[in-house]
C-alpha atoms as a PDB file:
ATOM      1  CA  MET A   1      53.884 -91.948-116.084  1.00  0.00           C
ATOM      2  CA  ALA A   2      51.870 -93.061-119.139  1.00  0.00           C
ATOM      3  CA  LEU A   3      54.810 -92.230-121.445  1.00  0.00           C
ATOM      4  CA  ALA A   4      57.470 -93.927-119.278  1.00  0.00           C
ATOM      5  CA  HIS A   5      57.834 -96.903-121.582  1.00  0.00           C
ATOM      6  CA  GLU A   6      56.736 -95.329-124.812  1.00  0.00           C
ATOM      7  CA  THR A   7      58.657 -93.974-127.727  1.00  0.00           C
ATOM      8  CA  VAL A   8      57.123 -90.673-128.925  1.00  0.00           C
ATOM      9  CA  ASN A   9      58.221 -89.597-132.434  1.00  0.00           C
ATOM     10  CA  VAL A  10      58.423 -85.968-133.414  1.00  0.00           C
ATOM     11  CA  GLY A  11      57.655 -84.820-136.940  1.00  0.00           C
ATOM     12  CA  LEU A  12      57.239 -81.559-138.772  1.00  0.00           C
ATOM     13  CA  LEU A  13      53.909 -79.709-138.819  1.00  0.00           C
ATOM     14  CA  TYR A  14      52.836 -79.350-142.409  1.00  0.00           C
ATOM     15  CA  GLU A  15      52.791 -75.737-143.935  1.00  0.00           C
ATOM     16  CA  ASN A  16      49.623 -73.819-143.491  1.00  0.00           C
ATOM     17  CA  ALA A  17      48.448 -76.029-140.575  1.00  0.00           C
ATOM     18  CA  ASP A  18      45.683 -74.393-138.515  1.00  0.00           C
ATOM     19  CA  ALA A  19      47.336 -75.411-135.296  1.00  0.00           C
ATOM     20  CA  GLN A  20      50.503 -74.483-133.345  1.00  0.00           C
ATOM     21  CA  ALA A  21      51.353 -78.228-133.054  1.00  0.00           C
ATOM     22  CA  GLN A  22      49.464 -81.494-133.539  1.00  0.00           C
ATOM     23  CA  ALA A  23      49.362 -84.870-131.839  1.00  0.00           C
ATOM     24  CA  PHE A  24      48.471 -88.336-133.193  1.00  0.00           C
ATOM     25  CA  GLY A  25      48.181 -90.364-129.997  1.00  0.00           C
ATOM     26  CA  TYR A  26      47.429 -93.648-131.665  1.00  0.00           C
ATOM     27  CA  ASN A  27      50.743 -93.298-133.585  1.00  0.00           C
ATOM     28  CA  ARG A  28      52.672 -91.844-130.671  1.00  0.00           C
ATOM     29  CA  LEU A  29      53.531 -88.879-132.840  1.00  0.00           C
ATOM     30  CA  ILE A  30      53.626 -85.187-132.221  1.00  0.00           C
ATOM     31  CA  CYS A  31      54.292 -82.571-134.973  1.00  0.00           C
ATOM     32  CA  LEU A  32      55.902 -79.332-134.363  1.00  0.00           C
ATOM     33  CA  PRO A  33      56.517 -76.334-136.639  1.00  0.00           C
ATOM     34  CA  PRO A  34      59.925 -76.455-138.224  1.00  0.00           C
ATOM     35  CA  ASP A  35      60.659 -72.720-138.124  1.00  0.00           C
ATOM     36  CA  GLU A  36      59.012 -71.525-134.953  1.00  0.00           C
ATOM     37  CA  TYR A  37      59.770 -71.866-131.312  1.00  0.00           C
ATOM     38  CA  THR A  38      57.442 -74.317-129.428  1.00  0.00           C
ATOM     39  CA  THR A  39      56.742 -73.348-125.901  1.00  0.00           C
ATOM     40  CA  ASN A  40      56.960 -75.804-123.051  1.00  0.00           C
ATOM     41  CA  VAL A  41      53.227 -75.462-122.485  1.00  0.00           C
ATOM     42  CA  THR A  42      52.435 -76.383-126.143  1.00  0.00           C
ATOM     43  CA  LEU A  43      54.871 -79.260-125.986  1.00  0.00           C
ATOM     44  CA  TRP A  44      53.390 -80.674-122.777  1.00  0.00           C
ATOM     45  CA  HIS A  45      49.885 -80.248-124.168  1.00  0.00           C
ATOM     46  CA  GLU A  46      50.741 -82.317-127.254  1.00  0.00           C
ATOM     47  CA  LEU A  47      52.540 -84.951-125.200  1.00  0.00           C
ATOM     48  CA  GLY A  48      49.386 -84.973-123.059  1.00  0.00           C
ATOM     49  CA  HIS A  49      47.331 -86.044-126.019  1.00  0.00           C
ATOM     50  CA  VAL A  50      49.663 -88.981-126.417  1.00  0.00           C
ATOM     51  CA  ALA A  51      49.584 -89.911-122.780  1.00  0.00           C
ATOM     52  CA  ILE A  52      45.723 -89.634-122.679  1.00  0.00           C
ATOM     53  CA  ARG A  53      45.565 -91.919-125.723  1.00  0.00           C
ATOM     54  CA  ILE A  54      47.699 -94.515-123.953  1.00  0.00           C
ATOM     55  CA  ARG A  55      45.639 -94.357-120.762  1.00  0.00           C
ATOM     56  CA  HIS A  56      42.467 -94.748-122.897  1.00  0.00           C
ATOM     57  CA  GLU A  57      43.941 -97.868-124.507  1.00  0.00           C
ATOM     58  CA  ASP A  58      44.688 -99.157-120.980  1.00  0.00           C
ATOM     59  CA  GLY A  59      40.942 -98.753-120.122  1.00  0.00           C
ATOM     60  CA  ASP A  60      41.265 -95.609-117.943  1.00  0.00           C
ATOM     61  CA  ASP A  61      38.492 -93.089-117.721  1.00  0.00           C
ATOM     62  CA  VAL A  62      39.894 -90.098-119.628  1.00  0.00           C
ATOM     63  CA  ALA A  63      38.334 -87.624-121.976  1.00  0.00           C
ATOM     64  CA  LYS A  64      40.285 -88.600-125.067  1.00  0.00           C
ATOM     65  CA  THR A  65      38.941 -86.028-127.413  1.00  0.00           C
ATOM     66  CA  SER A  66      38.648 -83.029-125.129  1.00  0.00           C
ATOM     67  CA  GLU A  67      41.193 -80.169-125.665  1.00  0.00           C
ATOM     68  CA  GLU A  68      40.287 -78.745-122.307  1.00  0.00           C
ATOM     69  CA  PHE A  69      40.813 -82.049-120.486  1.00  0.00           C
ATOM     70  CA  CYS A  70      44.117 -82.438-122.222  1.00  0.00           C
ATOM     71  CA  SER A  71      45.261 -78.839-121.163  1.00  0.00           C
ATOM     72  CA  ILE A  72      44.245 -79.635-117.507  1.00  0.00           C
ATOM     73  CA  TYR A  73      45.888 -83.036-117.645  1.00  0.00           C
ATOM     74  CA  ALA A  74      49.098 -81.622-119.068  1.00  0.00           C
ATOM     75  CA  MET A  75      49.276 -78.612-116.707  1.00  0.00           C
ATOM     76  CA  ALA A  76      48.683 -80.821-113.740  1.00  0.00           C
ATOM     77  CA  ARG A  77      51.946 -82.568-114.544  1.00  0.00           C
ATOM     78  CA  MET A  78      54.078 -79.604-115.383  1.00  0.00           C
ATOM     79  CA  PRO A  79      56.643 -78.270-112.983  1.00  0.00           C
ATOM     80  CA  PRO A  80      55.822 -74.658-112.333  1.00  0.00           C
ATOM     81  CA  GLU A  81      59.256 -73.506-113.450  1.00  0.00           C
ATOM     82  CA  ALA A  82      58.711 -75.007-116.871  1.00  0.00           C
ATOM     83  CA  ILE A  83      55.537 -73.014-117.481  1.00  0.00           C
ATOM     84  CA  ASP A  84      56.529 -70.431-120.153  1.00  0.00           C
ATOM     85  CA  GLU A  85      53.182 -68.907-121.164  1.00  0.00           C
ATOM     86  CA  ASP A  86      50.694 -66.615-119.581  1.00  0.00           C
ATOM     87  CA  ARG A  87      47.776 -68.756-120.644  1.00  0.00           C
ATOM     88  CA  ILE A  88      46.619 -72.319-120.535  1.00  0.00           C
ATOM     89  CA  PRO A  89      45.548 -73.506-124.043  1.00  0.00           C
ATOM     90  CA  TYR A  90      41.837 -73.844-124.430  1.00  0.00           C
ATOM     91  CA  LEU A  91      41.141 -72.532-121.040  1.00  0.00           C
ATOM     92  CA  GLY A  92      42.509 -68.963-121.034  1.00  0.00           C
ATOM     93  CA  GLN A  93      44.713 -66.670-118.873  1.00  0.00           C
ATOM     94  CA  PRO A  94      44.497 -67.500-115.146  1.00  0.00           C
ATOM     95  CA  GLY A  95      44.306 -64.799-112.515  1.00  0.00           C
ATOM     96  CA  VAL A  96      46.163 -66.857-109.849  1.00  0.00           C
ATOM     97  CA  PRO A  97      49.980 -67.072-109.733  1.00  0.00           C
ATOM     98  CA  ARG A  98      51.647 -69.548-112.205  1.00  0.00           C
ATOM     99  CA  GLU A  99      53.083 -71.591-109.360  1.00  0.00           C
ATOM    100  CA  GLU A 100      49.494 -72.575-108.416  1.00  0.00           C
ATOM    101  CA  TRP A 101      48.413 -73.756-111.881  1.00  0.00           C
ATOM    102  CA  PRO A 102      49.556 -77.378-111.625  1.00  0.00           C
ATOM    103  CA  GLY A 103      48.036 -77.865-108.146  1.00  0.00           C
ATOM    104  CA  VAL A 104      44.778 -76.367-109.227  1.00  0.00           C
ATOM    105  CA  CYS A 105      44.642 -78.597-112.309  1.00  0.00           C
ATOM    106  CA  GLN A 106      45.422 -81.728-110.119  1.00  0.00           C
ATOM    107  CA  ARG A 107      42.507 -80.690-107.825  1.00  0.00           C
ATOM    108  CA  ALA A 108      40.211 -80.331-110.886  1.00  0.00           C
ATOM    109  CA  LEU A 109      41.114 -83.767-112.147  1.00  0.00           C
ATOM    110  CA  GLU A 110      40.303 -85.253-108.688  1.00  0.00           C
ATOM    111  CA  TYR A 111      37.111 -83.269-108.732  1.00  0.00           C
ATOM    112  CA  ARG A 112      36.286 -84.856-112.163  1.00  0.00           C
ATOM    113  CA  ALA A 113      36.062 -88.326-110.480  1.00  0.00           C
ATOM    114  CA  ASP A 114      32.588 -87.334-109.063  1.00  0.00           C
ATOM    115  CA  ASN A 115      31.607 -84.250-111.073  1.00  0.00           C
ATOM    116  CA  ARG A 116      30.941 -83.500-114.705  1.00  0.00           C
ATOM    117  CA  ASN A 117      31.572 -79.756-114.505  1.00  0.00           C
ATOM    118  CA  TYR A 118      35.291 -80.151-113.809  1.00  0.00           C
ATOM    119  CA  ILE A 119      36.314 -77.805-116.608  1.00  0.00           C
ATOM    120  CA  GLN A 120      34.171 -75.028-115.259  1.00  0.00           C
ATOM    121  CA  HIS A 121      35.417 -75.824-111.744  1.00  0.00           C
ATOM    122  CA  CYS A 122      38.971 -75.566-112.902  1.00  0.00           C
ATOM    123  CA  THR A 123      38.479 -72.205-114.675  1.00  0.00           C
ATOM    124  CA  GLU A 124      36.797 -70.907-111.501  1.00  0.00           C
ATOM    125  CA  LEU A 125      39.734 -72.055-109.292  1.00  0.00           C
ATOM    126  CA  LEU A 126      42.132 -70.483-111.864  1.00  0.00           C
ATOM    127  CA  GLN A 127      40.151 -67.286-111.936  1.00  0.00           C
ATOM    128  CA  ILE A 128      39.812 -67.327-115.705  1.00  0.00           C
END
């Protein structure tokens, strides 16, 4: 929803970058490698950074610099059929079925409202 009225530009990830992809939320820009396939999970993660930045600008309580929060945030919004990796970036490889990942991440974000250990809670629910 945070990206509904935004234009997100896509650029090329520079050579020898130490990341699979990169996001610059304040510029509404994601950069992807020109010669490699980008998974849906990576794409949603980078778009998550942009969405989180927008929510931060709107005054929402988001962890704008946390890679783990971004992964949980992005995965909570992914349709299960779009998940094309066996891991969640910055969290690990879940032991529960893929179809459950988005719902678990949604519950972890709800848990975050009253608890600081939401990342640990999420990884426990995901059996990582």
